[in-house]
Amino acid sequence: METSECITCDTCLRSCPSEFGAVFDDGLNVVIVPELCSGCPVCVMVCPVDCIYVDEEWTETEARMWEHIDLTAGGAA
């Protein structure tokens, strides 16, 4: 995702199939977690500004983001 082009409309987040749940709101940014992504094109197709693309040089998701995912998913109680 090209964050400088993203308008944070959350359309990709709302459209990501619930069985994958690879898109997260991280404050001012929307983050796609590659380890959770199935590779389906739904988020790409619904993005109104075409800022989502396959990043061939992706890096593993940081521990901080996994903690955020845990909290937003209700895993920390």
N, C-alpha and C. Protein backbone atom coordinates (compact mmCIF):
# COMPACT_ATOMS: atom_id res chain seq x y z
N MET A 1 0.85 -1.17 0.00
CA MET A 1 0.00 0.00 0.00
C MET A 1 0.90 1.23 0.00
N GLU A 2 0.54 2.17 -0.82
CA GLU A 2 1.27 3.43 -0.87
C GLU A 2 0.57 4.40 0.08
N THR A 3 1.11 4.53 1.30
CA THR A 3 0.44 5.31 2.33
C THR A 3 0.32 6.79 1.98
N SER A 4 1.22 7.32 1.16
CA SER A 4 1.13 8.74 0.80
C SER A 4 -0.06 9.01 -0.10
N GLU A 5 -0.59 7.98 -0.76
CA GLU A 5 -1.74 8.13 -1.64
C GLU A 5 -3.05 7.72 -0.97
N CYS A 6 -2.96 6.99 0.14
CA CYS A 6 -4.14 6.47 0.82
C CYS A 6 -4.96 7.61 1.43
N ILE A 7 -6.27 7.57 1.27
CA ILE A 7 -7.15 8.59 1.83
C ILE A 7 -7.83 8.10 3.11
N THR A 8 -7.42 6.96 3.61
CA THR A 8 -7.91 6.36 4.85
C THR A 8 -9.44 6.27 4.88
N CYS A 9 -10.02 5.79 3.79
CA CYS A 9 -11.48 5.64 3.71
C CYS A 9 -11.93 4.33 4.35
N ASP A 10 -11.00 3.42 4.61
CA ASP A 10 -11.25 2.11 5.22
C ASP A 10 -12.08 1.17 4.35
N THR A 11 -12.24 1.49 3.07
CA THR A 11 -12.99 0.61 2.17
C THR A 11 -12.29 -0.74 2.06
N CYS A 12 -10.98 -0.75 2.02
CA CYS A 12 -10.23 -2.01 1.93
C CYS A 12 -10.43 -2.83 3.20
N LEU A 13 -10.40 -2.15 4.34
CA LEU A 13 -10.58 -2.82 5.63
C LEU A 13 -11.96 -3.48 5.70
N ARG A 14 -12.97 -2.76 5.30
CA ARG A 14 -14.34 -3.29 5.35
C ARG A 14 -14.58 -4.36 4.31
N SER A 15 -13.79 -4.39 3.25
CA SER A 15 -14.00 -5.34 2.16
C SER A 15 -13.16 -6.61 2.27
N CYS A 16 -12.15 -6.59 3.11
CA CYS A 16 -11.29 -7.77 3.26
C CYS A 16 -12.14 -8.91 3.83
N PRO A 17 -12.12 -10.08 3.18
CA PRO A 17 -12.91 -11.21 3.69
C PRO A 17 -12.59 -11.51 5.15
N SER A 18 -13.62 -11.69 5.95
CA SER A 18 -13.45 -11.86 7.40
C SER A 18 -12.60 -13.07 7.76
N GLU A 19 -12.56 -14.08 6.93
CA GLU A 19 -11.73 -15.24 7.24
C GLU A 19 -10.23 -14.93 7.15
N PHE A 20 -9.88 -13.81 6.51
CA PHE A 20 -8.48 -13.42 6.43
C PHE A 20 -8.18 -12.25 7.36
N GLY A 21 -9.00 -11.22 7.29
CA GLY A 21 -8.81 -10.07 8.16
C GLY A 21 -7.40 -9.52 8.13
N ALA A 22 -6.90 -9.23 6.94
CA ALA A 22 -5.52 -8.81 6.78
C ALA A 22 -5.33 -7.30 6.81
N VAL A 23 -6.40 -6.53 6.87
CA VAL A 23 -6.32 -5.08 6.81
C VAL A 23 -6.71 -4.50 8.17
N PHE A 24 -5.87 -3.59 8.67
CA PHE A 24 -6.09 -3.00 9.98
C PHE A 24 -5.94 -1.49 9.94
N ASP A 25 -6.71 -0.83 10.77
CA ASP A 25 -6.58 0.61 10.97
C ASP A 25 -5.55 0.80 12.07
N ASP A 26 -4.49 1.50 11.77
CA ASP A 26 -3.41 1.73 12.73
C ASP A 26 -3.25 3.22 12.96
N GLY A 27 -4.29 3.83 13.50
CA GLY A 27 -4.25 5.28 13.71
C GLY A 27 -4.51 6.02 12.43
N LEU A 28 -3.52 6.73 11.93
CA LEU A 28 -3.68 7.50 10.70
C LEU A 28 -3.41 6.68 9.45
N ASN A 29 -2.97 5.45 9.63
CA ASN A 29 -2.63 4.60 8.48
C ASN A 29 -3.49 3.36 8.44
N VAL A 30 -3.66 2.82 7.25
CA VAL A 30 -4.26 1.52 7.06
C VAL A 30 -3.11 0.59 6.73
N VAL A 31 -3.08 -0.57 7.40
CA VAL A 31 -1.97 -1.50 7.22
C VAL A 31 -2.51 -2.83 6.72
N ILE A 32 -1.88 -3.38 5.70
CA ILE A 32 -2.21 -4.72 5.22
C ILE A 32 -1.10 -5.64 5.71
N VAL A 33 -1.48 -6.65 6.49
CA VAL A 33 -0.51 -7.58 7.07
C VAL A 33 -0.33 -8.72 6.07
N PRO A 34 0.83 -8.80 5.42
CA PRO A 34 1.04 -9.79 4.36
C PRO A 34 0.91 -11.23 4.85
N GLU A 35 1.26 -11.50 6.10
CA GLU A 35 1.19 -12.86 6.62
C GLU A 35 -0.25 -13.35 6.74
N LEU A 36 -1.22 -12.44 6.79
CA LEU A 36 -2.63 -12.81 6.90
C LEU A 36 -3.35 -12.74 5.56
N CYS A 37 -2.75 -12.10 4.61
CA CYS A 37 -3.38 -11.87 3.30
C CYS A 37 -3.42 -13.16 2.48
N SER A 38 -4.58 -13.42 1.87
CA SER A 38 -4.74 -14.61 1.03
C SER A 38 -4.27 -14.36 -0.39
N GLY A 39 -4.13 -13.10 -0.75
CA GLY A 39 -3.76 -12.76 -2.12
C GLY A 39 -4.97 -12.51 -3.00
N CYS A 40 -6.18 -12.57 -2.42
CA CYS A 40 -7.38 -12.27 -3.21
C CYS A 40 -7.32 -10.79 -3.60
N PRO A 41 -7.94 -10.39 -4.68
CA PRO A 41 -7.81 -9.01 -5.14
C PRO A 41 -8.87 -8.04 -4.62
N VAL A 42 -9.66 -8.41 -3.62
CA VAL A 42 -10.79 -7.58 -3.22
C VAL A 42 -10.37 -6.17 -2.82
N CYS A 43 -9.37 -6.03 -1.94
CA CYS A 43 -8.98 -4.68 -1.50
C CYS A 43 -8.48 -3.83 -2.66
N VAL A 44 -7.78 -4.46 -3.58
CA VAL A 44 -7.26 -3.74 -4.75
C VAL A 44 -8.42 -3.23 -5.60
N MET A 45 -9.43 -4.07 -5.79
CA MET A 45 -10.56 -3.72 -6.65
C MET A 45 -11.42 -2.61 -6.07
N VAL A 46 -11.55 -2.54 -4.74
CA VAL A 46 -12.44 -1.54 -4.13
C VAL A 46 -11.75 -0.23 -3.78
N CYS A 47 -10.44 -0.18 -3.81
CA CYS A 47 -9.71 1.03 -3.44
C CYS A 47 -10.02 2.17 -4.42
N PRO A 48 -10.60 3.28 -3.92
CA PRO A 48 -10.97 4.37 -4.82
C PRO A 48 -9.79 5.17 -5.37
N VAL A 49 -8.61 5.03 -4.78
CA VAL A 49 -7.46 5.80 -5.25
C VAL A 49 -6.34 4.90 -5.80
N ASP A 50 -6.61 3.62 -5.93
CA ASP A 50 -5.65 2.66 -6.51
C ASP A 50 -4.27 2.72 -5.87
N CYS A 51 -4.22 2.72 -4.53
CA CYS A 51 -2.92 2.81 -3.87
C CYS A 51 -2.44 1.46 -3.31
N ILE A 52 -3.17 0.38 -3.59
CA ILE A 52 -2.78 -0.94 -3.09
C ILE A 52 -2.16 -1.73 -4.23
N TYR A 53 -0.99 -2.28 -3.97
CA TYR A 53 -0.29 -3.06 -4.99
C TYR A 53 0.52 -4.15 -4.29
N VAL A 54 0.94 -5.14 -5.04
CA VAL A 54 1.77 -6.21 -4.49
C VAL A 54 3.18 -5.67 -4.33
N ASP A 55 3.70 -5.79 -3.12
CA ASP A 55 5.06 -5.34 -2.84
C ASP A 55 5.97 -6.56 -2.86
N GLU A 56 6.75 -6.68 -3.91
CA GLU A 56 7.63 -7.83 -4.08
C GLU A 56 8.75 -7.86 -3.03
N GLU A 57 9.01 -6.72 -2.38
CA GLU A 57 10.09 -6.64 -1.40
C GLU A 57 9.55 -6.44 0.00
N TRP A 58 8.41 -7.06 0.33
CA TRP A 58 7.79 -6.88 1.63
C TRP A 58 8.67 -7.46 2.73
N THR A 59 8.49 -6.91 3.92
CA THR A 59 9.22 -7.40 5.09
C THR A 59 8.21 -7.94 6.09
N GLU A 60 8.70 -8.75 7.01
CA GLU A 60 7.82 -9.33 8.02
C GLU A 60 7.19 -8.23 8.87
N THR A 61 5.98 -8.48 9.31
CA THR A 61 5.26 -7.53 10.13
C THR A 61 5.94 -7.40 11.49
N GLU A 62 6.07 -6.15 11.95
CA GLU A 62 6.74 -5.87 13.23
C GLU A 62 5.93 -6.39 14.41
N ALA A 63 6.61 -6.69 15.50
CA ALA A 63 5.96 -7.18 16.72
C ALA A 63 4.93 -6.18 17.23
N ARG A 64 5.19 -4.88 17.11
CA ARG A 64 4.26 -3.87 17.56
C ARG A 64 2.91 -4.01 16.85
N MET A 65 2.95 -4.31 15.57
CA MET A 65 1.70 -4.46 14.82
C MET A 65 0.96 -5.71 15.25
N TRP A 66 1.68 -6.80 15.51
CA TRP A 66 1.03 -8.03 15.99
C TRP A 66 0.35 -7.78 17.34
N GLU A 67 0.97 -6.96 18.19
CA GLU A 67 0.35 -6.62 19.47
C GLU A 67 -0.93 -5.81 19.24
N HIS A 68 -0.89 -4.89 18.29
CA HIS A 68 -2.07 -4.10 17.94
C HIS A 68 -3.19 -5.01 17.41
N ILE A 69 -2.81 -5.96 16.58
CA ILE A 69 -3.80 -6.92 16.03
C ILE A 69 -4.43 -7.71 17.16
N ASP A 70 -3.60 -8.18 18.09
CA ASP A 70 -4.11 -8.91 19.25
C ASP A 70 -5.12 -8.08 20.04
N LEU A 71 -4.79 -6.82 20.26
CA LEU A 71 -5.68 -5.95 21.03
C LEU A 71 -6.99 -5.67 20.29
N THR A 72 -6.91 -5.40 18.99
CA THR A 72 -8.11 -5.08 18.23
C THR A 72 -8.96 -6.32 18.00
N ALA A 73 -8.35 -7.49 18.02
CA ALA A 73 -9.11 -8.73 17.83
C ALA A 73 -9.68 -9.24 19.15
N GLY A 74 -9.36 -8.55 20.24
CA GLY A 74 -9.87 -8.97 21.53
C GLY A 74 -9.07 -10.08 22.16
N GLY A 75 -7.86 -10.33 21.64
CA GLY A 75 -7.03 -11.40 22.16
C GLY A 75 -6.44 -11.11 23.53
N ALA A 76 -6.33 -9.84 23.88
CA ALA A 76 -5.77 -9.50 25.19
C ALA A 76 -6.92 -9.18 26.15
N ALA A 77 -7.05 -10.01 27.14
CA ALA A 77 -8.14 -9.76 28.09
C ALA A 77 -7.64 -9.93 29.51
